[in-house]
Amino acid sequence: MLVSHSAELAGGLRALLLQMGAEAVEVAGGTAGGDLGTSYDLVWAAIGRADAGAGVLILPDLGSSVLTARAVLEDHPVPGALIGAPPFEGAAAGAAGPGWRGADLAAVPAAAEEARDVRKF
């Protein structure tokens, strides 16, 4: 699940991940009014859509999206993890790696977090 300050950014990354073969990616982007920001209610609703019983992996983009995701998880504990990886590279590594196609969901955070150290040049 992606949490972003921008609905457009989250939606674009979701589209990319689906093209890469991810089977399901939920997003919570922007505010309920369509502005930039992070909405507690949108994050909680996306967790509800994403949780099929195995848990939810959450990849936030910037500072307050991390804080909002943490607040939601404190109020509504669900199995899963908050992933501290770069949002785009981490999401792509997680989508291409284990877990997204029914493999071990627990392996996805490590695959996503490895993207932190991958150099572009």
C-alpha atoms as a PDB file:
ATOM      1  CA  MET A   1       0.000   0.000   0.000  1.00  0.00           C
ATOM      2  CA  LEU A   2       1.305   3.448  -0.911  1.00  0.00           C
ATOM      3  CA  VAL A   3       0.769   6.572   1.192  1.00  0.00           C
ATOM      4  CA  SER A   4       1.602   9.830  -0.533  1.00  0.00           C
ATOM      5  CA  HIS A   5       1.014  13.543  -0.209  1.00  0.00           C
ATOM      6  CA  SER A   6      -0.266  13.505  -3.775  1.00  0.00           C
ATOM      7  CA  ALA A   7      -3.119  11.430  -5.182  1.00  0.00           C
ATOM      8  CA  GLU A   8      -1.650  11.818  -8.664  1.00  0.00           C
ATOM      9  CA  LEU A   9       1.785  10.649  -7.567  1.00  0.00           C
ATOM     10  CA  ALA A  10       0.363   7.626  -5.731  1.00  0.00           C
ATOM     11  CA  GLY A  11      -1.913   6.773  -8.650  1.00  0.00           C
ATOM     12  CA  GLY A  12       0.931   7.002 -11.156  1.00  0.00           C
ATOM     13  CA  LEU A  13       3.165   4.772  -9.061  1.00  0.00           C
ATOM     14  CA  ARG A  14       0.287   2.328  -8.631  1.00  0.00           C
ATOM     15  CA  ALA A  15      -0.162   2.177 -12.423  1.00  0.00           C
ATOM     16  CA  LEU A  16       3.569   1.501 -12.874  1.00  0.00           C
ATOM     17  CA  LEU A  17       3.545  -1.283 -10.277  1.00  0.00           C
ATOM     18  CA  LEU A  18       0.512  -2.936 -11.875  1.00  0.00           C
ATOM     19  CA  GLN A  19       2.299  -2.859 -15.238  1.00  0.00           C
ATOM     20  CA  MET A  20       5.284  -4.516 -13.555  1.00  0.00           C
ATOM     21  CA  GLY A  21       3.075  -7.365 -12.408  1.00  0.00           C
ATOM     22  CA  ALA A  22       1.912  -6.383  -8.932  1.00  0.00           C
ATOM     23  CA  GLU A  23      -1.505  -7.929  -8.445  1.00  0.00           C
ATOM     24  CA  ALA A  24      -2.998  -5.410  -6.028  1.00  0.00           C
ATOM     25  CA  VAL A  25      -1.796  -2.025  -4.859  1.00  0.00           C
ATOM     26  CA  GLU A  26      -3.943   0.253  -2.727  1.00  0.00           C
ATOM     27  CA  VAL A  27      -3.160   3.937  -2.355  1.00  0.00           C
ATOM     28  CA  ALA A  28      -3.965   6.781  -0.001  1.00  0.00           C
ATOM     29  CA  GLY A  29      -2.891  10.026  -1.602  1.00  0.00           C
ATOM     30  CA  GLY A  30      -3.625  13.617  -0.788  1.00  0.00           C
ATOM     31  CA  THR A  31      -6.507  14.882   1.284  1.00  0.00           C
ATOM     32  CA  ALA A  32     -10.216  14.122   1.071  1.00  0.00           C
ATOM     33  CA  GLY A  33     -10.649  17.488  -0.657  1.00  0.00           C
ATOM     34  CA  GLY A  34      -8.093  16.658  -3.337  1.00  0.00           C
ATOM     35  CA  ASP A  35      -5.329  18.862  -1.980  1.00  0.00           C
ATOM     36  CA  LEU A  36      -1.747  17.921  -1.188  1.00  0.00           C
ATOM     37  CA  GLY A  37      -1.365  16.361   2.239  1.00  0.00           C
ATOM     38  CA  THR A  38      -2.015  13.129   4.068  1.00  0.00           C
ATOM     39  CA  SER A  39      -5.447  12.109   5.312  1.00  0.00           C
ATOM     40  CA  TYR A  40      -5.859   9.822   8.326  1.00  0.00           C
ATOM     41  CA  ASP A  41      -9.258   8.712   7.009  1.00  0.00           C
ATOM     42  CA  LEU A  42      -7.932   7.908   3.526  1.00  0.00           C
ATOM     43  CA  VAL A  43      -5.050   5.896   5.002  1.00  0.00           C
ATOM     44  CA  TRP A  44      -7.410   3.934   7.241  1.00  0.00           C
ATOM     45  CA  ALA A  45      -9.801   3.259   4.333  1.00  0.00           C
ATOM     46  CA  ALA A  46      -6.928   2.062   2.100  1.00  0.00           C
ATOM     47  CA  ILE A  47      -5.712  -0.283   4.847  1.00  0.00           C
ATOM     48  CA  GLY A  48      -9.211  -1.752   4.994  1.00  0.00           C
ATOM     49  CA  ARG A  49      -9.204  -2.344   1.226  1.00  0.00           C
ATOM     50  CA  ALA A  50      -5.675  -3.782   1.266  1.00  0.00           C
ATOM     51  CA  ASP A  51      -6.028  -6.137   4.220  1.00  0.00           C
ATOM     52  CA  ALA A  52      -7.112  -9.535   2.950  1.00  0.00           C
ATOM     53  CA  GLY A  53      -6.109 -11.212   6.203  1.00  0.00           C
ATOM     54  CA  ALA A  54      -2.376 -11.653   5.583  1.00  0.00           C
ATOM     55  CA  GLY A  55      -1.454  -8.141   6.682  1.00  0.00           C
ATOM     56  CA  VAL A  56      -0.653  -4.865   5.013  1.00  0.00           C
ATOM     57  CA  LEU A  57       2.671  -3.441   3.925  1.00  0.00           C
ATOM     58  CA  ILE A  58       2.687   0.359   3.910  1.00  0.00           C
ATOM     59  CA  LEU A  59       5.234   2.446   2.003  1.00  0.00           C
ATOM     60  CA  PRO A  60       4.891   6.183   2.783  1.00  0.00           C
ATOM     61  CA  ASP A  61       6.603   8.966   0.850  1.00  0.00           C
ATOM     62  CA  LEU A  62       7.512  11.892   3.149  1.00  0.00           C
ATOM     63  CA  GLY A  63       7.487  12.958   6.806  1.00  0.00           C
ATOM     64  CA  SER A  64       3.838  13.505   7.644  1.00  0.00           C
ATOM     65  CA  SER A  65       2.711  10.491   5.622  1.00  0.00           C
ATOM     66  CA  VAL A  66       4.932   8.401   7.900  1.00  0.00           C
ATOM     67  CA  LEU A  67       3.455  10.072  10.977  1.00  0.00           C
ATOM     68  CA  THR A  68      -0.097   9.625   9.704  1.00  0.00           C
ATOM     69  CA  ALA A  69       0.444   5.953   8.839  1.00  0.00           C
ATOM     70  CA  ARG A  70       1.939   5.375  12.285  1.00  0.00           C
ATOM     71  CA  ALA A  71      -0.996   7.103  13.976  1.00  0.00           C
ATOM     72  CA  VAL A  72      -3.497   4.977  12.049  1.00  0.00           C
ATOM     73  CA  LEU A  73      -1.619   1.778  12.929  1.00  0.00           C
ATOM     74  CA  GLU A  74      -1.448   2.776  16.605  1.00  0.00           C
ATOM     75  CA  ASP A  75      -5.219   3.358  16.663  1.00  0.00           C
ATOM     76  CA  HIS A  76      -6.070   0.325  14.516  1.00  0.00           C
ATOM     77  CA  PRO A  77      -3.377  -2.361  14.851  1.00  0.00           C
ATOM     78  CA  VAL A  78      -3.250  -4.655  11.840  1.00  0.00           C
ATOM     79  CA  PRO A  79      -0.634  -7.239  10.941  1.00  0.00           C
ATOM     80  CA  GLY A  80       1.965  -5.870   8.595  1.00  0.00           C
ATOM     81  CA  ALA A  81       4.768  -3.397   8.419  1.00  0.00           C
ATOM     82  CA  LEU A  82       5.596   0.193   7.754  1.00  0.00           C
ATOM     83  CA  ILE A  83       8.424   0.104   5.206  1.00  0.00           C
ATOM     84  CA  GLY A  84      11.191   2.694   5.495  1.00  0.00           C
ATOM     85  CA  ALA A  85      12.372   2.503   1.891  1.00  0.00           C
ATOM     86  CA  PRO A  86      12.571   5.184  -0.796  1.00  0.00           C
ATOM     87  CA  PRO A  87       9.007   5.260  -2.145  1.00  0.00           C
ATOM     88  CA  PHE A  88       9.586   4.769  -5.865  1.00  0.00           C
ATOM     89  CA  GLU A  89      12.629   2.535  -5.899  1.00  0.00           C
ATOM     90  CA  GLY A  90      11.365   0.585  -2.893  1.00  0.00           C
ATOM     91  CA  ALA A  91       7.944   0.024  -4.417  1.00  0.00           C
ATOM     92  CA  ALA A  92       9.474  -1.149  -7.690  1.00  0.00           C
ATOM     93  CA  ALA A  93      11.879  -3.513  -5.910  1.00  0.00           C
ATOM     94  CA  GLY A  94       9.045  -4.899  -3.812  1.00  0.00           C
ATOM     95  CA  ALA A  95       6.829  -5.341  -6.868  1.00  0.00           C
ATOM     96  CA  ALA A  96       9.526  -7.123  -8.822  1.00  0.00           C
ATOM     97  CA  GLY A  97      10.620  -9.161  -5.814  1.00  0.00           C
ATOM     98  CA  PRO A  98       8.969 -11.719  -3.582  1.00  0.00           C
ATOM     99  CA  GLY A  99       5.565 -11.283  -2.097  1.00  0.00           C
ATOM    100  CA  TRP A 100       3.570  -9.403  -4.688  1.00  0.00           C
ATOM    101  CA  ARG A 101       2.640 -12.559  -6.565  1.00  0.00           C
ATOM    102  CA  GLY A 102       1.604 -14.622  -3.582  1.00  0.00           C
ATOM    103  CA  ALA A 103       5.095 -15.451  -2.348  1.00  0.00           C
ATOM    104  CA  ASP A 104       6.306 -14.662   1.153  1.00  0.00           C
ATOM    105  CA  LEU A 105       4.871 -11.285   2.160  1.00  0.00           C
ATOM    106  CA  ALA A 106       7.486 -11.012   4.910  1.00  0.00           C
ATOM    107  CA  ALA A 107      10.266 -10.833   2.290  1.00  0.00           C
ATOM    108  CA  VAL A 108       8.896  -7.691   0.608  1.00  0.00           C
ATOM    109  CA  PRO A 109      10.125  -5.127   3.184  1.00  0.00           C
ATOM    110  CA  ALA A 110      13.709  -6.380   2.887  1.00  0.00           C
ATOM    111  CA  ALA A 111      13.546  -6.283  -0.923  1.00  0.00           C
ATOM    112  CA  ALA A 112      12.121  -2.763  -0.828  1.00  0.00           C
ATOM    113  CA  GLU A 113      14.642  -1.507   1.735  1.00  0.00           C
ATOM    114  CA  GLU A 114      17.568  -2.866  -0.301  1.00  0.00           C
ATOM    115  CA  ALA A 115      16.642  -0.265  -2.922  1.00  0.00           C
ATOM    116  CA  ARG A 116      18.003   2.408  -0.568  1.00  0.00           C
ATOM    117  CA  ASP A 117      21.554   1.366  -1.428  1.00  0.00           C
ATOM    118  CA  VAL A 118      21.185   0.839  -5.175  1.00  0.00           C
ATOM    119  CA  ARG A 119      23.116   3.485  -7.090  1.00  0.00           C
ATOM    120  CA  LYS A 120      21.643   4.914 -10.288  1.00  0.00           C
ATOM    121  CA  PHE A 121      25.044   5.787 -11.763  1.00  0.00           C
END
